[in-house]
Protein backbone atom coordinates (compact mmCIF):
# COMPACT_ATOMS: atom_id res chain seq x y z
CA MET A 1 -16.89 -4.66 4.66
CA GLU A 2 -19.34 -1.66 5.02
CA ARG A 3 -16.82 0.80 6.09
CA PHE A 4 -14.27 -0.28 3.35
CA GLU A 5 -16.81 0.25 0.50
CA ALA A 6 -17.77 3.87 2.10
CA LEU A 7 -14.06 4.69 1.86
CA PHE A 8 -12.93 3.27 -1.18
CA GLY A 9 -16.02 2.06 -3.17
CA HIS A 10 -16.58 -1.26 -4.72
CA LYS A 11 -13.54 -3.12 -5.92
CA PRO A 12 -11.37 -0.28 -5.68
CA VAL A 13 -8.09 0.41 -7.32
CA ILE A 14 -5.60 2.11 -4.96
CA ALA A 15 -2.81 3.50 -6.93
CA MET A 16 0.90 4.21 -5.55
CA VAL A 17 2.60 7.41 -5.74
CA HIS A 18 6.24 6.31 -5.30
CA LEU A 19 8.28 8.93 -4.01
CA ARG A 20 11.79 9.43 -5.23
CA ALA A 21 14.64 8.55 -2.61
CA LEU A 22 14.35 10.89 0.23
CA PRO A 23 16.85 12.96 2.14
CA GLY A 24 19.50 10.81 4.23
CA THR A 25 18.94 7.53 2.11
CA PRO A 26 21.60 6.10 -0.31
CA LEU A 27 19.73 7.06 -3.49
CA TYR A 28 18.97 10.57 -2.77
CA ASP A 29 19.95 13.11 -5.44
CA GLY A 30 19.83 16.28 -3.67
CA ASP A 31 16.60 17.67 -5.40
CA LEU A 32 13.73 17.95 -2.96
CA GLU A 33 11.82 20.26 -5.22
CA GLY A 34 12.17 17.35 -7.82
CA ILE A 35 10.58 14.82 -5.33
CA VAL A 36 7.48 17.08 -5.13
CA GLU A 37 7.24 17.69 -8.72
CA ALA A 38 7.54 13.90 -9.58
CA ALA A 39 5.03 13.29 -6.96
CA ARG A 40 2.93 15.80 -8.41
CA GLN A 41 2.82 14.59 -11.91
CA ASP A 42 2.07 10.88 -10.91
CA LEU A 43 -0.64 12.02 -8.62
CA LEU A 44 -2.38 14.07 -11.42
CA ALA A 45 -1.94 11.18 -13.98
CA LEU A 46 -3.47 8.85 -11.71
CA GLN A 47 -6.51 10.85 -10.87
CA ALA A 48 -7.00 11.65 -14.44
CA ALA A 49 -6.86 7.88 -15.14
CA GLY A 50 -9.72 7.51 -12.62
CA VAL A 51 -8.10 5.60 -9.79
CA ASP A 52 -10.44 5.25 -6.51
CA ALA A 53 -7.33 6.22 -4.07
CA VAL A 54 -3.84 6.89 -3.77
CA MET A 55 -1.35 5.83 -1.43
CA PHE A 56 2.23 7.77 -1.03
CA GLY A 57 5.19 5.23 -0.40
CA ASN A 58 8.85 5.76 -0.05
CA GLU A 59 9.65 2.84 -2.12
CA ASN A 60 13.00 3.99 -3.30
CA ASP A 61 14.41 4.55 0.24
CA ARG A 62 16.42 1.41 -0.52
CA PRO A 63 18.07 -0.45 1.51
CA TYR A 64 14.73 -0.55 3.35
CA GLU A 65 14.83 0.08 7.41
CA LEU A 66 12.64 -1.30 9.99
CA GLN A 67 12.87 1.83 12.04
CA VAL A 68 13.04 4.71 9.42
CA ASP A 69 15.22 7.92 9.68
CA PRO A 70 12.86 10.69 11.02
CA ALA A 71 14.08 12.59 8.02
CA SER A 72 12.07 10.07 5.87
CA THR A 73 8.82 10.65 7.60
CA ALA A 74 9.10 14.41 7.84
CA THR A 75 10.03 14.77 4.05
CA MET A 76 7.04 12.55 3.29
CA ALA A 77 4.93 14.95 5.26
CA TYR A 78 6.34 17.92 3.51
CA VAL A 79 5.70 16.47 0.01
CA ILE A 80 1.95 15.48 0.97
CA GLY A 81 1.46 18.84 2.49
CA ARG A 82 2.64 20.55 -0.85
CA LEU A 83 0.20 18.41 -2.76
CA LYS A 84 -2.85 18.39 -0.23
CA GLY A 85 -4.83 20.82 -2.31
CA GLU A 86 -4.38 18.69 -5.53
CA ILE A 87 -5.54 15.39 -4.03
CA ARG A 88 -9.09 14.53 -5.07
CA VAL A 89 -9.34 11.03 -4.09
CA PRO A 90 -9.02 9.41 -0.58
CA PHE A 91 -5.20 9.12 0.25
CA GLY A 92 -3.05 6.76 2.46
CA VAL A 93 0.45 6.39 3.41
CA ASP A 94 3.21 3.67 3.85
CA VAL A 95 6.75 4.31 5.37
CA LEU A 96 8.56 1.36 4.49
CA TRP A 97 8.65 -0.64 6.89
CA ASP A 98 8.05 1.12 10.04
CA PRO A 99 4.40 0.97 11.46
CA MET A 100 4.96 3.90 14.00
CA ALA A 101 6.32 6.09 11.63
CA THR A 102 3.47 5.33 9.12
CA LEU A 103 0.83 6.26 11.78
CA ALA A 104 2.66 9.35 12.70
CA LEU A 105 2.49 10.47 9.06
CA ALA A 106 -0.79 9.59 8.60
CA ALA A 107 -1.88 11.77 11.58
CA ALA A 108 0.24 14.70 10.44
CA THR A 109 -1.17 14.59 6.80
CA GLY A 110 -4.80 13.71 7.45
CA ALA A 111 -4.59 10.43 5.50
CA ARG A 112 -7.59 7.98 5.32
CA PHE A 113 -5.83 5.09 5.45
CA ALA A 114 -2.43 3.34 6.09
CA ARG A 115 -0.65 0.18 5.08
CA GLU A 116 2.05 -1.79 6.84
CA ILE A 117 3.33 -5.00 8.13
CA PHE A 118 1.53 -5.19 11.59
CA THR A 119 1.86 -8.79 12.27
CA GLY A 120 3.97 -11.90 12.06
CA LEU A 121 7.56 -12.83 12.25
CA TYR A 122 9.81 -12.62 9.27
CA GLY A 123 13.38 -13.39 7.98
CA SER A 124 14.09 -10.81 5.70
CA ASP A 125 16.78 -8.65 3.66
CA MET A 126 16.53 -6.27 6.69
CA GLY A 127 17.07 -9.22 9.16
CA LEU A 128 14.76 -10.43 11.63
CA TRP A 129 11.21 -8.57 11.15
CA GLN A 130 8.58 -8.61 13.90
CA GLY A 131 5.08 -7.14 13.67
CA ARG A 132 4.22 -4.49 16.07
CA ALA A 133 0.38 -4.46 15.88
CA ALA A 134 -0.30 -3.99 19.64
CA GLU A 135 2.10 -1.14 19.89
CA ALA A 136 0.78 0.32 16.67
CA LEU A 137 -2.81 0.23 17.63
CA ARG A 138 -2.25 2.03 21.04
CA TYR A 139 -0.17 4.46 19.07
CA ARG A 140 -3.20 5.15 16.96
CA ARG A 141 -5.62 5.68 19.87
CA ARG A 142 -3.11 8.32 21.37
CA LEU A 143 -3.02 10.11 18.16
CA GLY A 144 -6.68 10.34 18.02
CA ARG A 145 -7.01 8.47 14.63
CA ASP A 146 -9.27 5.57 15.59
CA ASP A 147 -11.01 6.41 12.00
CA LEU A 148 -7.50 5.53 10.22
CA PHE A 149 -8.21 2.41 8.21
CA LEU A 150 -5.37 -0.15 8.48
CA LEU A 151 -4.53 -2.56 5.82
CA TYR A 152 -2.49 -5.26 7.00
CA ASN A 153 0.00 -6.97 4.68
CA VAL A 154 -0.06 -10.61 5.94
CA SER A 155 2.66 -11.93 3.34
CA ALA A 156 5.50 -9.63 3.35
CA GLU A 157 7.54 -8.87 0.43
CA PHE A 158 11.29 -9.43 0.46
CA ALA A 159 10.79 -11.94 3.48
CA SER A 160 9.69 -15.61 4.50
CA PRO A 161 7.67 -16.07 7.33
CA LEU A 162 8.92 -17.97 10.28
CA ASP A 163 5.57 -18.72 11.44
CA SER A 164 4.53 -22.22 10.47
CA ARG A 165 0.83 -21.45 10.14
CA SER A 166 -0.98 -21.46 6.86
CA LEU A 167 -1.22 -17.93 5.09
CA PRO A 168 -5.23 -18.15 5.60
CA GLU A 169 -4.64 -19.09 9.13
CA ARG A 170 -2.26 -16.14 9.69
CA ALA A 171 -4.76 -13.81 7.96
CA LYS A 172 -7.59 -14.88 10.06
CA SER A 173 -5.58 -14.57 13.27
CA ALA A 174 -4.59 -10.95 12.19
CA VAL A 175 -8.15 -9.99 12.00
CA PHE A 176 -9.19 -11.93 15.33
CA SER A 177 -6.27 -10.84 17.69
CA SER A 178 -4.63 -7.97 15.84
CA LEU A 179 -7.72 -6.10 14.73
CA ALA A 180 -7.02 -5.81 11.08
CA ASP A 181 -9.40 -3.63 9.08
CA ALA A 182 -8.46 -5.22 5.72
CA VAL A 183 -5.98 -8.01 4.71
CA LEU A 184 -3.25 -7.68 1.80
CA VAL A 185 -1.79 -10.53 0.21
CA SER A 186 1.49 -10.00 -1.66
CA GLY A 187 3.88 -11.57 -4.22
CA PRO A 188 7.56 -12.18 -3.12
CA MET A 189 8.58 -8.52 -4.18
CA THR A 190 7.30 -5.21 -5.41
CA GLY A 191 5.88 -5.63 -9.01
CA GLU A 192 5.83 -9.53 -8.68
CA GLY A 193 2.37 -11.05 -8.98
CA VAL A 194 0.13 -12.53 -6.15
CA ALA A 195 -0.55 -16.25 -6.62
CA LEU A 196 -4.36 -16.58 -7.15
CA GLU A 197 -4.57 -19.50 -5.28
CA HIS A 198 -3.35 -17.56 -2.11
CA LEU A 199 -6.05 -14.96 -2.97
CA VAL A 200 -8.50 -17.50 -3.12
CA ALA A 201 -7.54 -19.07 0.26
CA VAL A 202 -7.56 -16.08 2.11
CA LYS A 203 -10.82 -14.91 0.96
CA GLU A 204 -12.60 -18.14 1.77
CA ALA A 205 -11.17 -17.94 5.25
CA LEU A 206 -12.29 -14.30 5.61
CA PRO A 207 -15.56 -13.84 3.73
CA GLY A 208 -16.75 -10.61 5.63
CA VAL A 209 -13.44 -8.90 5.57
CA PRO A 210 -11.85 -6.82 2.76
CA VAL A 211 -9.02 -8.79 0.98
CA LEU A 212 -6.82 -7.19 -1.69
CA ALA A 213 -4.11 -7.99 -4.05
CA ASN A 214 -0.96 -6.07 -2.64
CA THR A 215 1.60 -6.54 -5.52
CA GLY A 216 2.08 -7.30 -9.34
CA VAL A 217 -1.42 -6.69 -10.38
CA ARG A 218 -1.26 -6.11 -14.19
CA HIS A 219 -3.52 -5.26 -17.25
CA ASP A 220 -3.79 -8.80 -18.23
CA THR A 221 -4.44 -10.01 -14.76
CA VAL A 222 -6.73 -7.60 -13.10
CA ALA A 223 -10.03 -8.88 -14.24
CA GLU A 224 -9.53 -12.36 -13.03
CA ILE A 225 -7.91 -10.98 -9.48
CA LEU A 226 -11.04 -8.87 -8.88
CA ARG A 227 -13.26 -11.77 -9.41
CA VAL A 228 -11.77 -12.94 -5.95
CA ALA A 229 -10.13 -9.74 -4.39
CA ASP A 230 -12.23 -6.96 -3.07
CA GLY A 231 -9.81 -4.35 -4.50
CA VAL A 232 -6.30 -4.09 -5.57
CA ILE A 233 -3.25 -1.90 -4.95
CA VAL A 234 -1.08 -1.26 -7.94
CA GLY A 235 2.14 0.68 -8.84
CA THR A 236 4.63 -0.84 -11.35
CA ALA A 237 1.89 -1.87 -13.83
CA LEU A 238 1.08 2.13 -14.48
CA LYS A 239 4.57 3.13 -14.87
CA ARG A 240 6.55 3.82 -18.21
CA GLU A 241 7.52 0.36 -19.53
CA GLY A 242 6.15 -1.30 -16.47
CA ILE A 243 9.25 -0.30 -14.49
CA THR A 244 8.75 0.61 -10.65
CA TRP A 245 10.98 3.38 -10.60
CA ASN A 246 9.81 5.23 -13.81
CA PRO A 247 6.91 7.98 -13.83
CA VAL A 248 3.34 6.89 -14.16
CA ASP A 249 2.47 6.69 -17.78
CA PRO A 250 -0.87 8.25 -18.33
CA GLU A 251 -1.85 5.86 -21.19
CA ARG A 252 -1.04 2.94 -19.12
CA ALA A 253 -2.90 4.24 -16.38
CA ARG A 254 -6.03 4.86 -18.46
CA ALA A 255 -5.92 1.61 -20.05
CA PHE A 256 -5.75 -0.22 -16.78
CA MET A 257 -8.74 1.66 -15.32
CA GLU A 258 -10.85 0.84 -18.54
CA THR A 259 -10.02 -2.85 -18.03
CA VAL A 260 -11.13 -2.32 -14.36
CA ARG A 261 -14.35 -0.90 -15.35
CA GLN A 262 -15.15 -3.53 -17.56
CA ALA A 263 -14.51 -6.03 -15.02
CA ARG A 264 -16.48 -4.26 -12.51
CA GLY A 265 -19.46 -4.11 -15.08
CA ARG A 266 -19.19 -7.82 -15.56
């Protein structure tokens, strides 16, 4: 927990910079410069609102891959490189849904943290989905990035676990056997809320480990969530009209952070 708070602060808000669809993916529109500029505007709006950290993700590279095209990782590195001089808060990365690409991107860009599905076995839209923690942590060592803080999503979006153990049991196992730095609890899809009872159960199982809500945190739920969780990751709630694919709405972002500051004060 000490390392977590040194990086993020107390009860942090990690806000998503969702990149537009990248080259090689079905929804790419051919406008590479547009990807950079859209990410820049979202980054600046989030920082102005006072978020504690940002995370760059390829959320619009649908349908998602379990081993991504190298063009996705390369383009994300290019975009982050273009914006690096404007990033004022700790930043992280997430290449959906490829742990090795995520770690490579983190090493290339100097990211401080990364999020992925590192553990578990799931049935999903993408087919059978298997965690790669052993491979990923050895790769982190080879890249010389033992300092990279890893957020383990233990309840994958768009998927159901094939492991019969309870969520708290799986979370404890991820920390004990797979060396998770922090644990994320998700709803069923991007933008859909986390069941509060799931957060409570995981936090009770891991009192000394950072536990964060990973999806669907809203203006009207964040205060209650922060009474249980050690932080939140938020994207959709800060977008115009609350739609995942829209740009960040500066007013929504500022209002969200004001609610967070009041919750922290209590």
